[in-house]
Protein backbone atom coordinates (compact mmCIF):
# COMPACT_ATOMS: atom_id res chain seq x y z
CA MET A 1 -0.04 -0.23 -0.09
CA PRO A 2 1.62 3.34 -1.14
CA VAL A 3 1.68 6.05 1.74
CA TYR A 4 3.57 9.46 0.86
CA ASP A 5 6.18 11.23 3.45
CA TYR A 6 7.37 14.53 2.93
CA ALA A 7 10.76 16.79 3.33
CA LEU A 8 11.96 20.34 2.88
CA MET A 9 15.36 21.17 2.59
CA SER A 10 16.81 24.64 3.90
CA GLU A 11 18.82 27.12 2.65
CA PRO A 12 22.57 26.63 3.18
CA LEU A 13 23.37 28.33 6.49
CA THR A 14 25.24 31.04 7.55
CA PRO A 15 28.73 30.35 10.10
CA ALA A 16 26.74 32.07 12.74
CA GLN A 17 23.60 29.78 11.77
CA ARG A 18 25.36 27.19 12.05
CA GLU A 19 26.97 27.89 15.35
CA SER A 20 24.19 28.23 16.79
CA ILE A 21 22.65 25.52 16.67
CA GLY A 22 26.16 23.32 17.34
CA TRP A 23 25.62 21.11 14.73
CA HIS A 24 29.16 20.84 12.86
CA GLY A 25 29.01 17.11 11.54
CA ARG A 26 26.91 15.28 8.79
CA GLU A 27 25.36 13.08 11.22
CA GLY A 28 22.09 11.71 10.46
CA VAL A 29 19.76 12.11 13.19
CA SER A 30 15.70 10.73 14.45
CA ASP A 31 13.66 11.10 17.24
CA ALA A 32 12.21 8.45 18.79
CA SER A 33 8.39 9.43 18.46
CA ARG A 34 6.30 7.12 17.12
CA GLN A 35 5.76 9.83 14.69
CA PHE A 36 9.36 10.67 13.89
CA HIS A 37 10.93 13.61 11.86
CA TYR A 38 14.55 12.37 10.18
CA THR A 39 17.26 15.35 9.79
CA ARG A 40 20.33 15.46 8.41
CA THR A 41 23.05 18.17 7.19
CA THR A 42 24.26 17.91 3.69
CA ALA A 43 27.58 18.95 2.24
CA ASP A 44 26.53 22.49 1.18
CA GLY A 45 25.49 23.67 5.15
CA ARG A 46 21.72 22.80 4.31
CA ILE A 47 19.31 21.02 6.35
CA LEU A 48 16.86 18.59 5.35
CA TRP A 49 14.02 17.87 7.52
CA GLY A 50 11.35 15.31 6.64
CA GLY A 51 9.05 12.36 8.49
CA TYR A 52 6.16 12.48 10.50
CA ASP A 53 3.11 11.97 8.98
CA ALA A 54 2.75 9.09 6.27
CA VAL A 55 -0.36 10.48 4.51
CA TYR A 56 -2.76 7.98 3.23
CA TYR A 57 -4.69 8.98 0.44
CA TRP A 58 -7.79 7.18 -0.57
CA ASN A 59 -7.96 3.92 -2.68
CA ASN A 60 -4.20 3.89 -2.74
CA GLY A 61 -4.15 7.19 -4.14
CA PHE A 62 -1.14 7.49 -6.36
CA GLY A 63 0.37 9.85 -8.59
CA GLU A 64 2.85 13.09 -9.16
CA HIS A 65 -0.48 15.39 -8.18
CA LEU A 66 0.33 14.12 -4.47
CA GLU A 67 3.88 15.00 -4.26
CA ASN A 68 3.38 18.62 -3.92
CA SER A 69 1.16 19.07 -0.11
CA PRO A 70 1.34 22.73 0.95
CA LEU A 71 -0.20 21.30 3.90
CA MET A 72 2.70 18.75 4.87
CA PHE A 73 4.92 21.30 4.08
CA GLY A 74 4.00 24.04 6.63
CA ARG A 75 3.19 21.30 9.05
CA LEU A 76 6.66 20.31 8.80
CA ALA A 77 8.43 24.00 8.38
CA GLU A 78 6.37 24.24 12.07
CA HIS A 79 8.09 21.40 13.00
CA PHE A 80 11.63 22.23 11.87
CA PHE A 81 11.58 25.71 13.99
CA GLN A 82 10.23 24.02 16.98
CA ALA A 83 13.04 21.91 17.11
CA PHE A 84 15.70 25.00 15.65
CA PRO A 85 14.29 27.54 17.42
CA GLN A 86 17.75 29.63 16.70
CA LEU A 87 17.02 29.43 12.91
CA GLU A 88 13.52 31.01 12.87
CA GLY A 89 13.37 33.24 9.36
CA LEU A 90 15.37 30.47 7.98
CA ARG A 91 13.54 29.97 4.44
CA PHE A 92 13.41 26.69 2.59
CA SER A 93 14.40 26.22 -1.21
CA HIS A 94 13.20 22.63 -1.60
CA ALA A 95 9.81 20.83 -0.83
CA TRP A 96 8.76 17.54 -2.26
CA GLY A 97 6.96 14.48 -1.70
CA GLY A 98 7.08 10.78 -2.87
CA ALA A 99 5.37 7.59 -1.79
CA ILE A 100 6.77 4.78 0.27
CA ASP A 101 5.32 0.98 0.70
CA THR A 102 4.26 -0.11 3.49
CA CYS A 103 2.19 -3.30 5.08
CA SER A 104 0.26 -4.18 8.10
CA ARG A 105 3.50 -5.15 10.02
CA PHE A 106 5.23 -2.18 8.98
CA SER A 107 8.33 -4.28 7.85
CA PRO A 108 9.31 -6.03 5.25
CA PHE A 109 8.47 -9.72 3.68
CA TRP A 110 9.09 -11.61 0.84
CA GLY A 111 7.56 -13.82 -1.60
CA THR A 112 8.32 -15.43 -5.54
CA ALA A 113 6.29 -15.36 -8.03
CA HIS A 114 6.42 -16.94 -11.76
CA GLY A 115 7.20 -20.32 -10.38
CA GLY A 116 9.95 -19.21 -8.58
CA LYS A 117 12.08 -17.05 -11.62
CA THR A 118 11.24 -14.20 -9.60
CA SER A 119 11.92 -13.07 -5.76
CA TYR A 120 10.63 -9.91 -4.28
CA SER A 121 10.52 -7.86 -1.22
CA MET A 122 8.11 -5.21 -0.25
CA GLY A 123 6.41 -2.95 2.48
CA PHE A 124 9.71 -1.53 3.97
CA THR A 125 7.49 1.32 4.86
CA GLY A 126 9.94 3.75 4.64
CA LEU A 127 13.15 2.33 6.03
CA GLY A 128 14.92 0.39 3.63
CA VAL A 129 18.34 2.09 2.78
CA GLY A 130 19.79 0.24 5.42
CA ALA A 131 17.83 -3.00 5.35
CA THR A 132 17.49 -3.50 1.36
CA ARG A 133 20.72 -4.98 1.77
CA PHE A 134 19.53 -8.36 3.67
CA GLY A 135 16.81 -7.99 1.39
CA ALA A 136 18.46 -9.09 -1.47
CA ARG A 137 20.70 -11.59 0.15
CA VAL A 138 17.36 -13.09 1.03
CA MET A 139 16.07 -13.10 -2.33
CA LEU A 140 19.09 -14.85 -3.59
CA ASP A 141 18.69 -17.29 -1.23
CA MET A 142 14.96 -18.16 -2.54
CA LEU A 143 15.94 -17.71 -6.35
CA ASP A 144 18.69 -20.12 -5.29
CA ASN A 145 15.81 -22.36 -3.07
CA LYS A 146 18.81 -22.45 -0.47
CA LYS A 147 17.58 -23.00 2.86
CA THR A 148 19.62 -20.51 4.89
CA GLU A 149 19.65 -18.75 8.24
CA ARG A 150 17.49 -15.84 6.76
CA THR A 151 15.13 -17.55 5.10
CA GLU A 152 14.38 -19.24 8.15
CA LEU A 153 13.21 -16.55 10.12
CA GLU A 154 9.98 -16.15 10.93
CA MET A 155 9.57 -12.34 9.37
CA VAL A 156 10.74 -14.43 6.04
CA ARG A 157 8.56 -17.04 6.42
CA THR A 158 5.44 -15.30 7.28
CA LYS A 159 3.44 -12.25 5.12
CA PRO A 160 1.50 -9.79 6.71
CA LEU A 161 -2.66 -9.61 6.91
CA PRO A 162 -3.56 -7.76 3.90
CA PHE A 163 -5.32 -4.29 4.21
CA PRO A 164 -9.14 -4.73 4.20
CA PRO A 165 -10.81 -3.27 1.07
CA GLU A 166 -12.35 0.87 1.31
CA PRO A 167 -13.74 1.99 3.14
CA LEU A 168 -12.36 0.02 5.85
CA ARG A 169 -8.76 0.41 4.66
CA SER A 170 -8.65 3.91 5.34
CA ILE A 171 -10.78 4.07 8.64
CA GLY A 172 -7.92 1.64 10.11
CA ILE A 173 -5.10 3.37 9.00
CA ASN A 174 -6.28 6.74 10.08
CA LEU A 175 -7.49 5.28 13.63
CA THR A 176 -3.92 3.92 14.03
CA ARG A 177 -2.37 7.37 12.18
CA TRP A 178 -4.49 9.37 15.44
CA SER A 179 -3.61 6.44 18.11
CA MET A 180 -0.20 7.13 16.78
CA ASP A 181 -0.40 10.79 17.79
CA GLN A 182 -1.92 10.35 21.08
CA VAL A 183 1.15 8.29 22.46
CA ASP A 184 3.59 10.67 21.41
CA ARG A 185 1.29 13.59 23.18
CA ASN A 186 0.80 10.56 26.09
CA GLY A 187 4.18 10.03 27.07
CA GLY A 188 4.34 6.98 25.38
CA ARG A 189 1.54 5.23 26.77
CA GLU A 190 -0.94 3.33 23.52
CA ASN A 191 -4.42 2.80 23.46
CA LEU A 192 -6.82 -0.13 23.10
CA TRP A 193 -6.45 -0.29 19.44
CA LEU A 194 -2.56 -0.03 19.26
CA ARG A 195 -2.45 -3.04 22.14
CA ALA A 196 -4.82 -5.12 20.05
CA MET A 197 -2.81 -4.54 17.17
CA ASN A 198 0.22 -5.65 18.67
CA TRP A 199 -1.62 -8.79 19.95
CA LEU A 200 -2.90 -9.43 16.52
CA GLY A 201 0.59 -8.65 15.51
CA LEU A 202 0.48 -5.36 13.10
CA GLY A 203 2.72 -2.31 13.26
CA PHE A 204 5.96 -1.14 14.58
CA ASP A 205 5.45 -3.17 17.78
CA SER A 206 4.72 -6.52 16.46
């Protein structure tokens, strides 16, 4: 299922602005919220700032028209200046969005098609940069029909439950997003919906 992630890129910081936030390296940083932000500096001294919402559009909405969201860009900018109040007035030179794939357990799954001649891995939920090397090795094991330590993992042997059809799909996804927002606002305490999802093996904590 496609969900959309959005990001901003700031103008280059002046030396004084860089000094004001004490961030002199190129470290990648993320917070620990359920709806988390990710950020890092670039070689030319900008700050990339993205994340927070993973937006689902009705009936698996997908296309270039969804890559530009003034609402989401505005929300990201607001959060940016909450994190970096010293940079108030800094402008953003670039803004974009794009689809990432997710599944009901928010982690990858694997399979084969075309009589075992094709293998696939999907559902990385935006966390695929580091995990795709492992995912590719699992796919190669599958193509070679090898039984390995990787292919015996439960996450490889099992598949997530499919999302229900609309309108239940949108209702469930938006209830989950609302619940995750409440976790961040309530000191990490999960509501009954998220606890039920975990019990069913759905979601990040499954």
